[in-house]
Amino acid sequence: MENSFCISPKRYVPKTKLIQPTLLLIHNSYELQLLPASNQIGILMTLRQIYRIFSAVLGWSALGLQLYLLIAIAVKNELPPITGVMKFFDYFTILSNILVATVFTALCARSPQKWSRFFTHPKVKTGVAVYIFITGLVYFLILRHTWNPKGLALVADVLLHYGMPVLYGIEWLLFTPRGRSDGWFFPWALCCGRCFGVKFLGSIPIPLLM
C-alpha cells in the first residue's frame, strides 16, 4: 500500500497543486477585464495622457532641431543667425508642426485658460489636422524626391513630415469629436501670401510653398 501512488521513482504530486498555477494564470490574463469600469477608464486616460506628453515633447524637439540646423546653415554661409530664424518661420511644414505641438501641449496642460480651451476645441483640432495632413501628403507624394537629407537633417525631416502627422492623425481619429471645420482658410491664405511674395520678391523657399 505504501507504493500504490508511486509507479515510478518520481514523487507523487496531488492534482490540486497542478491546477492552482493554471487557475492563477487564467486569473491574471483576465485581470484587466475583471476590473471595475471606472478603473479601466482611468487606465485608458492615463495611457492617453502619456501619449500626448510624448507627442508634445517629440514635436517641440523636432522643431528645435530644425531651427538649430537652419541657424547653423546661415552661420556657415556667413549670414546673421536671424536669417535662419526668419527662414524657419517661412515654411508651411514648420507652421503646421508648431500648431500640432501647441495642440498637444494644450491637451497635456488641461488648463482652464483661454489659449488652452481654444487649441483643444474640436474645430481647431480638425483645422490643424487639415494643415498637418497637407504637410505630410504633399511632401510624401512630391517633395521627398527633391532632396536627400542626411544625419540630423534626416532626423528632423522624418519627424516633421512623417512622425508628427501620424501621431496627430491618431489623436484626431481616436479622441476628437467630428464636426464642421473652417480649417481650409489658413492654407489658402498662406498660398496667396506666398504667390504675392513670388510676384514681388522673385523667390520662394522650396517647391509648392512647403
Protein backbone atom coordinates (compact mmCIF):
# COMPACT_ATOMS: atom_id res chain seq x y z
CA MET A 1 0.00 0.00 0.00
CA GLU A 2 2.91 2.33 0.60
CA ASN A 3 3.83 2.31 -3.11
CA SER A 4 0.30 2.45 -4.51
CA PHE A 5 0.83 6.03 -5.64
CA CYS A 6 4.44 5.62 -6.81
CA ILE A 7 4.59 3.62 -10.01
CA SER A 8 7.81 5.44 -10.99
CA PRO A 9 10.60 6.99 -8.92
CA LYS A 10 9.05 10.43 -9.45
CA ARG A 11 7.43 12.00 -6.43
CA TYR A 12 3.64 11.97 -6.42
CA VAL A 13 2.12 15.43 -6.78
CA PRO A 14 -1.54 15.91 -5.93
CA LYS A 15 -3.69 17.16 -8.80
CA THR A 16 -4.78 20.21 -6.83
CA LYS A 17 -1.20 21.57 -6.88
CA LEU A 18 -1.09 21.23 -10.66
CA ILE A 19 -4.37 23.04 -11.12
CA GLN A 20 -3.51 26.06 -8.94
CA PRO A 21 -0.85 27.64 -11.27
CA THR A 22 -3.21 27.22 -14.22
CA LEU A 23 -6.01 28.98 -12.37
CA LEU A 24 -3.61 31.75 -11.34
CA LEU A 25 -2.52 32.25 -14.97
CA ILE A 26 -6.12 32.44 -16.15
CA HIS A 27 -6.93 34.88 -13.35
CA ASN A 28 -4.05 37.19 -14.30
CA SER A 29 -4.93 37.15 -18.01
CA TYR A 30 -8.45 38.35 -17.28
CA GLU A 31 -7.43 40.74 -14.52
CA LEU A 32 -8.00 43.89 -16.62
CA GLN A 33 -11.41 42.65 -17.77
CA LEU A 34 -12.49 41.97 -14.18
CA LEU A 35 -11.55 45.48 -13.04
CA PRO A 36 -14.41 47.92 -12.43
CA ALA A 37 -15.32 50.10 -15.39
CA SER A 38 -14.11 53.22 -13.58
CA ASN A 39 -10.62 51.71 -13.11
CA GLN A 40 -10.43 50.70 -16.77
CA ILE A 41 -11.36 54.23 -17.85
CA GLY A 42 -8.69 55.62 -15.52
CA ILE A 43 -6.02 53.39 -17.06
CA LEU A 44 -7.02 54.38 -20.58
CA MET A 45 -6.98 58.08 -19.68
CA THR A 46 -3.50 57.71 -18.18
CA LEU A 47 -2.22 56.00 -21.33
CA ARG A 48 -3.77 58.72 -23.46
CA GLN A 49 -2.10 61.42 -21.38
CA ILE A 50 1.28 59.68 -21.66
CA TYR A 51 0.77 59.51 -25.42
CA ARG A 52 0.03 63.23 -25.59
CA ILE A 53 3.03 64.18 -23.44
CA PHE A 54 5.30 62.04 -25.62
CA SER A 55 3.90 63.64 -28.78
CA ALA A 56 4.29 67.17 -27.41
CA VAL A 57 7.92 66.59 -26.36
CA LEU A 58 8.74 64.94 -29.68
CA GLY A 59 7.11 67.75 -31.67
CA TRP A 60 8.93 70.59 -29.89
CA SER A 61 12.20 68.64 -30.04
CA ALA A 62 11.88 68.21 -33.81
CA LEU A 63 11.13 71.91 -34.24
CA GLY A 64 14.08 72.87 -32.06
CA LEU A 65 16.36 70.62 -34.07
CA GLN A 66 15.19 72.14 -37.35
CA LEU A 67 15.72 75.67 -36.02
CA TYR A 68 19.25 74.76 -34.94
CA LEU A 69 20.02 73.34 -38.39
CA LEU A 70 18.76 76.44 -40.20
CA ILE A 71 20.76 78.76 -37.93
CA ALA A 72 23.86 76.60 -38.46
CA ILE A 73 23.42 76.83 -42.23
CA ALA A 74 23.07 80.61 -42.02
CA VAL A 75 26.24 80.92 -39.93
CA LYS A 76 28.09 78.60 -42.30
CA ASN A 77 27.12 80.85 -45.21
CA GLU A 78 28.36 83.89 -43.25
CA LEU A 79 24.85 85.23 -42.73
CA PRO A 80 23.39 86.60 -39.49
CA PRO A 81 21.76 83.90 -37.30
CA ILE A 82 18.48 85.80 -37.53
CA THR A 83 18.38 84.77 -41.19
CA GLY A 84 17.97 81.16 -40.13
CA VAL A 85 15.22 82.14 -37.70
CA MET A 86 13.34 84.07 -40.40
CA LYS A 87 13.65 81.16 -42.81
CA PHE A 88 12.42 78.82 -40.08
CA PHE A 89 9.06 80.60 -39.93
CA ASP A 90 8.83 80.74 -43.71
CA TYR A 91 7.91 77.06 -44.16
CA PHE A 92 4.39 75.69 -44.09
CA THR A 93 5.83 72.48 -42.61
CA ILE A 94 7.16 74.43 -39.62
CA LEU A 95 3.96 76.41 -39.09
CA SER A 96 1.75 73.33 -39.22
CA ASN A 97 4.04 71.43 -36.83
CA ILE A 98 4.05 74.37 -34.41
CA LEU A 99 0.27 74.17 -34.34
CA VAL A 100 0.38 70.41 -33.78
CA ALA A 101 2.87 70.73 -30.91
CA THR A 102 0.77 73.53 -29.40
CA VAL A 103 -2.39 71.42 -29.51
CA PHE A 104 -0.62 68.50 -27.82
CA THR A 105 0.76 70.89 -25.18
CA ALA A 106 -2.70 72.31 -24.51
CA LEU A 107 -4.12 68.81 -24.20
CA CYS A 108 -1.40 67.92 -21.69
CA ALA A 109 -1.87 71.10 -19.68
CA ARG A 110 -5.67 70.80 -19.43
CA SER A 111 -5.71 74.38 -18.26
CA PRO A 112 -8.90 76.46 -17.93
CA GLN A 113 -7.13 79.38 -19.59
CA LYS A 114 -8.43 80.69 -22.92
CA TRP A 115 -5.45 79.59 -25.01
CA SER A 116 -5.80 76.01 -23.80
CA ARG A 117 -9.55 75.90 -24.42
CA PHE A 118 -9.02 77.37 -27.88
CA PHE A 119 -6.44 74.82 -29.04
CA THR A 120 -8.37 71.88 -27.60
CA HIS A 121 -11.64 72.84 -29.27
CA PRO A 122 -12.75 70.14 -31.76
CA LYS A 123 -13.00 72.62 -34.65
CA VAL A 124 -9.49 73.91 -34.04
CA LYS A 125 -8.11 70.38 -33.73
CA THR A 126 -9.79 69.46 -37.01
CA GLY A 127 -8.35 72.52 -38.73
CA VAL A 128 -4.86 71.63 -37.51
CA ALA A 129 -5.43 68.08 -38.80
CA VAL A 130 -6.06 69.57 -42.25
CA TYR A 131 -2.77 71.52 -42.12
CA ILE A 132 -0.59 68.62 -40.99
CA PHE A 133 -2.32 66.27 -43.46
CA ILE A 134 -1.41 68.64 -46.31
CA THR A 135 2.17 68.77 -45.00
CA GLY A 136 2.60 65.02 -44.91
CA LEU A 137 0.74 64.23 -48.13
CA VAL A 138 2.41 66.83 -50.37
CA TYR A 139 5.85 66.02 -49.01
CA PHE A 140 5.40 62.27 -49.48
CA LEU A 141 3.97 62.49 -52.98
CA ILE A 142 6.16 65.25 -54.44
CA LEU A 143 8.81 66.89 -52.30
CA ARG A 144 10.66 63.91 -50.85
CA HIS A 145 12.25 63.29 -54.24
CA THR A 146 13.74 66.78 -54.44
CA TRP A 147 16.48 66.35 -51.82
CA ASN A 148 18.42 63.73 -49.86
CA PRO A 149 18.86 64.74 -46.20
CA LYS A 150 21.44 63.01 -44.01
CA GLY A 151 22.35 62.95 -40.35
CA LEU A 152 20.41 65.34 -38.12
CA ALA A 153 18.66 66.80 -41.16
CA LEU A 154 17.22 63.34 -41.88
CA VAL A 155 16.02 63.01 -38.28
CA ALA A 156 14.23 66.37 -38.43
CA ASP A 157 12.83 65.55 -41.86
CA VAL A 158 11.32 62.24 -40.75
CA LEU A 159 9.85 63.67 -37.55
CA LEU A 160 8.29 66.76 -39.13
CA HIS A 161 6.96 65.16 -42.32
CA TYR A 162 6.07 61.64 -41.15
CA GLY A 163 6.21 61.23 -37.38
CA MET A 164 4.11 64.18 -36.26
CA PRO A 165 1.43 63.80 -38.98
CA VAL A 166 0.93 60.16 -37.91
CA LEU A 167 0.87 60.96 -34.19
CA TYR A 168 -1.59 63.79 -34.65
CA GLY A 169 -3.70 61.71 -37.04
CA ILE A 170 -4.11 59.10 -34.30
CA GLU A 171 -5.05 61.81 -31.79
CA TRP A 172 -7.61 63.29 -34.16
CA LEU A 173 -9.15 59.97 -35.20
CA LEU A 174 -9.48 58.50 -31.70
CA PHE A 175 -10.01 61.45 -29.37
CA THR A 176 -11.64 64.27 -31.35
CA PRO A 177 -15.40 64.65 -31.87
CA ARG A 178 -16.31 65.06 -35.52
CA GLY A 179 -17.71 68.36 -36.68
CA ARG A 180 -17.52 71.11 -39.25
CA SER A 181 -14.22 72.96 -39.56
CA ASP A 182 -13.08 76.14 -41.27
CA GLY A 183 -9.54 74.81 -41.37
CA TRP A 184 -9.04 75.35 -45.10
CA PHE A 185 -8.70 79.12 -44.65
CA PHE A 186 -5.11 79.06 -43.39
CA PRO A 187 -3.58 77.02 -46.28
CA TRP A 188 -5.32 79.17 -48.89
CA ALA A 189 -4.29 82.40 -47.14
CA LEU A 190 -0.69 81.17 -46.96
CA CYS A 191 -0.79 80.18 -50.63
CA CYS A 192 -1.98 83.65 -51.66
CA GLY A 193 0.66 85.29 -49.46
CA ARG A 194 3.43 83.19 -50.98
CA CYS A 195 2.22 83.92 -54.52
CA PHE A 196 2.35 87.61 -53.65
CA GLY A 197 5.92 87.10 -52.43
CA VAL A 198 6.93 85.36 -55.62
CA LYS A 199 5.40 88.16 -57.69
CA PHE A 200 7.24 90.97 -55.94
CA LEU A 201 10.28 89.28 -54.39
CA GLY A 202 11.02 86.72 -57.07
CA SER A 203 11.90 83.91 -54.67
CA ILE A 204 10.29 81.02 -52.81
CA PRO A 205 11.90 78.69 -50.24
CA ILE A 206 11.15 75.30 -51.85
CA PRO A 207 8.59 73.95 -54.34
CA LEU A 208 4.87 74.10 -53.60
CA LEU A 209 5.26 76.55 -50.72
CA MET A 210 6.41 73.86 -48.27
